[in-house]
Amino acid sequence: MIRAAALSSPRLQRVLALLADGRPHTTRDIVRRARVMAVNACISELRHHGAEITCAQQVINDERRFFYTMTKAPAPK
C-alpha cells in the first residue's frame, strides 16, 4: 500500500498542472518545470488518487527517455 501525499500537496499540484495539457513530458521536463525530484513517486501518488498516466520509453540518440502522459485527471475531492 502506497502512502501517498494528499492531492492538495503543492508538489503533486505542480506535477498535475504540468501534465494537465495531456501531452507527453519527459522525466527531465517534469523535474525542471514542476521542481520535483522523485518523478516516479509523484506519478505513483497521482495514480493512487485516480489519475491515469501512461509511461512510454523511447531511445533517442542512444539514450533511453521516459515520457509520461496523463489521459485522465484525478477527481477532485
Protein backbone atom coordinates (compact mmCIF):
# COMPACT_ATOMS: atom_id res chain seq x y z
CA MET A 1 0.00 0.00 0.00
CA ILE A 2 1.37 3.37 -1.00
CA ARG A 3 1.46 6.23 1.49
CA ALA A 4 0.51 8.95 -0.96
CA ALA A 5 0.58 12.62 -0.10
CA ALA A 6 -2.73 14.44 -0.17
CA LEU A 7 -3.80 15.56 -3.61
CA SER A 8 -3.66 19.12 -2.30
CA SER A 9 0.12 18.78 -1.80
CA PRO A 10 1.91 21.64 -3.59
CA ARG A 11 4.38 19.09 -5.03
CA LEU A 12 1.61 16.97 -6.56
CA GLN A 13 -0.30 20.05 -7.70
CA ARG A 14 2.74 21.26 -9.68
CA VAL A 15 3.09 17.89 -11.44
CA LEU A 16 -0.66 17.71 -12.04
CA ALA A 17 -0.69 21.21 -13.56
CA LEU A 18 2.13 20.29 -15.91
CA LEU A 19 0.54 17.01 -17.03
CA ALA A 20 -2.90 18.60 -17.43
CA ASP A 21 -2.16 19.52 -21.05
CA GLY A 22 -2.43 15.82 -22.00
CA ARG A 23 0.89 15.90 -23.85
CA PRO A 24 3.88 13.63 -23.19
CA HIS A 25 6.51 15.03 -20.82
CA THR A 26 9.93 13.55 -20.18
CA THR A 27 11.20 12.85 -16.70
CA ARG A 28 13.69 15.69 -17.14
CA ASP A 29 10.95 18.09 -18.24
CA ILE A 30 8.89 17.24 -15.15
CA VAL A 31 11.91 17.69 -12.86
CA ARG A 32 12.68 21.10 -14.29
CA ARG A 33 9.21 22.53 -14.80
CA ALA A 34 7.43 21.09 -11.74
CA ARG A 35 10.50 21.35 -9.50
CA VAL A 36 10.30 17.78 -8.17
CA MET A 37 12.96 15.11 -7.96
CA ALA A 38 11.23 11.76 -7.49
CA VAL A 39 9.09 11.83 -10.62
CA ASN A 40 8.17 8.15 -10.48
CA ALA A 41 6.95 8.59 -6.88
CA CYS A 42 4.85 11.62 -7.84
CA ILE A 43 3.32 9.68 -10.72
CA SER A 44 2.52 6.76 -8.39
CA GLU A 45 0.89 9.12 -5.91
CA LEU A 46 -1.22 10.76 -8.62
CA ARG A 47 -2.28 7.31 -9.85
CA HIS A 48 -3.23 6.43 -6.27
CA HIS A 49 -5.62 9.41 -6.35
CA GLY A 50 -7.21 8.19 -9.60
CA ALA A 51 -5.14 9.80 -12.33
CA GLU A 52 -4.50 7.72 -15.41
CA ILE A 53 -0.93 8.34 -16.56
CA THR A 54 0.87 6.32 -19.18
CA CYS A 55 4.60 5.87 -19.35
CA ALA A 56 6.37 5.15 -22.63
CA GLN A 57 10.07 4.81 -23.21
CA GLN A 58 11.96 5.75 -26.33
CA VAL A 59 15.59 5.55 -27.27
CA ILE A 60 16.75 8.88 -28.67
CA ASN A 61 20.41 9.34 -29.63
CA ASP A 62 21.29 6.11 -27.80
CA GLU A 63 19.68 7.39 -24.58
CA ARG A 64 16.56 5.91 -23.00
CA ARG A 65 13.91 8.51 -22.20
CA PHE A 66 10.64 8.08 -20.37
CA PHE A 67 7.56 10.05 -21.39
CA TYR A 68 4.60 10.48 -19.05
CA THR A 69 1.16 11.40 -20.41
CA MET A 70 -1.93 11.98 -18.28
CA THR A 71 -5.06 10.71 -20.02
CA LYS A 72 -7.41 11.26 -17.08
CA ALA A 73 -7.03 13.66 -14.16
CA PRO A 74 -7.89 12.55 -10.63
CA ALA A 75 -11.35 13.55 -9.45
CA PRO A 76 -11.26 16.50 -7.05
CA LYS A 77 -12.11 15.56 -3.50
